[in-house]
Protein backbone atom coordinates (compact mmCIF):
# COMPACT_ATOMS: atom_id res chain seq x y z
CA MET A 1 12.13 -15.69 -9.00
CA ASN A 2 12.19 -12.21 -10.57
CA ASN A 3 11.49 -8.95 -8.73
CA GLN A 4 7.89 -8.76 -9.95
CA GLU A 5 7.15 -12.25 -8.62
CA LYS A 6 8.82 -11.39 -5.30
CA GLY A 7 6.76 -8.22 -5.09
CA ARG A 8 3.52 -10.11 -5.75
CA GLY A 9 4.45 -12.61 -3.03
CA GLY A 10 5.12 -9.77 -0.60
CA GLU A 11 1.81 -8.13 -1.49
CA ALA A 12 -0.06 -11.41 -0.91
CA PHE A 13 1.68 -11.79 2.47
CA ALA A 14 0.76 -8.20 3.36
CA ALA A 15 -2.87 -8.71 2.26
CA ARG A 16 -3.20 -11.77 4.51
CA PHE A 17 -1.63 -9.86 7.41
CA LEU A 18 -3.94 -6.88 6.93
CA ALA A 19 -7.00 -9.15 6.72
CA GLU A 20 -5.95 -10.66 10.06
CA GLN A 21 -5.81 -7.10 11.45
CA GLY A 22 -9.43 -6.54 10.36
CA TYR A 23 -8.85 -4.80 7.04
CA GLU A 24 -11.17 -5.68 4.16
CA ILE A 25 -9.09 -5.91 0.98
CA LEU A 26 -11.01 -4.21 -1.83
CA GLU A 27 -8.47 -4.22 -4.63
CA ARG A 28 -4.92 -5.34 -5.43
CA ASN A 29 -2.50 -3.72 -7.85
CA PHE A 30 -4.66 -0.82 -8.92
CA ARG A 31 -2.99 0.81 -11.92
CA CYS A 32 -3.76 3.98 -13.78
CA ARG A 33 -1.85 6.59 -15.73
CA GLN A 34 -1.09 8.45 -12.50
CA GLY A 35 0.59 5.49 -10.80
CA GLU A 36 0.00 2.26 -8.94
CA ILE A 37 -1.39 1.33 -5.54
CA ASP A 38 -0.46 -2.09 -4.18
CA LEU A 39 -3.53 -2.63 -1.99
CA ILE A 40 -6.74 -0.73 -1.39
CA ALA A 41 -8.64 -1.71 1.72
CA ARG A 42 -11.30 -0.66 4.17
CA ASP A 43 -10.36 -0.37 7.85
CA GLY A 44 -13.46 0.58 9.80
CA ASN A 45 -14.73 3.78 8.19
CA ASP A 46 -11.40 4.55 6.49
CA LEU A 47 -10.51 3.81 2.90
CA VAL A 48 -6.83 2.84 3.06
CA PHE A 49 -4.27 3.00 0.25
CA VAL A 50 -1.41 0.66 1.11
CA GLU A 51 2.12 0.62 -0.29
CA VAL A 52 3.99 -2.65 0.28
CA LYS A 53 7.79 -2.75 0.30
CA PHE A 54 9.79 -5.97 0.52
CA ARG A 55 13.48 -6.46 1.33
CA ARG A 56 15.51 -9.59 1.99
CA GLY A 57 18.12 -7.78 4.04
CA LYS A 58 19.05 -4.38 5.44
CA GLY A 59 21.63 -3.76 2.71
CA GLN A 60 19.23 -1.40 0.92
CA GLY A 61 17.85 0.07 4.15
CA LEU A 62 14.49 -0.55 5.74
CA PRO A 63 11.72 -1.30 3.26
CA GLU A 64 9.52 1.58 4.38
CA GLU A 65 12.36 4.05 3.74
CA ALA A 66 11.85 3.43 0.01
CA VAL A 67 8.52 5.28 0.16
CA ASP A 68 10.07 8.69 -0.39
CA PHE A 69 8.28 11.95 -1.19
CA ARG A 70 8.25 11.24 -4.92
CA LYS A 71 6.68 7.79 -4.41
CA GLN A 72 4.17 9.27 -1.96
CA GLU A 73 3.09 11.84 -4.55
CA LYS A 74 2.51 9.14 -7.19
CA ILE A 75 0.39 7.17 -4.70
CA ARG A 76 -1.60 10.32 -3.82
CA GLN A 77 -2.30 11.01 -7.48
CA ALA A 78 -3.40 7.43 -8.13
CA ALA A 79 -5.60 7.56 -5.00
CA ARG A 80 -7.28 10.77 -6.21
CA TYR A 81 -8.05 9.09 -9.52
CA TYR A 82 -9.35 5.96 -7.78
CA LEU A 83 -11.70 8.06 -5.64
CA TYR A 84 -12.93 9.98 -8.69
CA ARG A 85 -13.36 6.90 -10.88
CA ASN A 86 -15.28 5.03 -8.21
CA GLY A 87 -17.58 7.92 -7.27
CA TYR A 88 -16.42 8.46 -3.70
CA GLU A 89 -17.50 11.68 -1.99
CA GLU A 90 -14.90 14.41 -1.45
CA ASP A 91 -15.10 13.97 2.32
CA THR A 92 -14.40 10.21 2.25
CA ALA A 93 -12.10 9.34 5.16
CA CYS A 94 -8.83 8.09 3.63
CA ARG A 95 -5.35 7.33 4.80
CA PHE A 96 -2.06 5.99 3.47
CA ASP A 97 -0.42 3.04 5.19
CA VAL A 98 2.90 1.39 4.45
CA VAL A 99 3.69 -2.27 5.02
CA GLY A 100 7.39 -3.08 5.25
CA ILE A 101 8.52 -6.70 4.98
CA LEU A 102 12.10 -7.50 6.00
CA ASN A 103 13.36 -11.08 6.31
CA GLY A 104 9.80 -12.37 6.68
CA GLN A 105 8.97 -9.90 9.44
CA ILE A 106 6.13 -7.50 8.74
CA ARG A 107 5.69 -3.96 10.01
CA LEU A 108 2.56 -1.85 9.50
CA ILE A 109 2.83 1.93 9.60
CA ARG A 110 -0.63 3.47 9.76
CA ASN A 111 -0.99 7.03 8.48
CA ALA A 112 2.54 6.82 7.10
CA PHE A 113 1.98 10.04 5.14
CA SER A 114 -0.89 12.38 4.33
């Protein structure tokens, strides 16, 4: 299984987990020139942009640690474009969550960055 297939499996696992938490998954793997967003969901009144990180072991650190400032900025830019393209109002309540998957264990960090 290559990295892309592993990533897709992790994203599917995360989507199921989030749905169990009450999230409504709106879109998967949104891509644009500005970047990529793994999952876009609705959680109550919030539009949530979710980054999913998968690791088999701690050798590379915790999965969520891979969402550094540079990655956060790419996600922010892609989110801005998504909002614009889909006609959302400027005051739409949004947040950025990170789902870390390590050895089959899942961890959700709400409001991981702004």
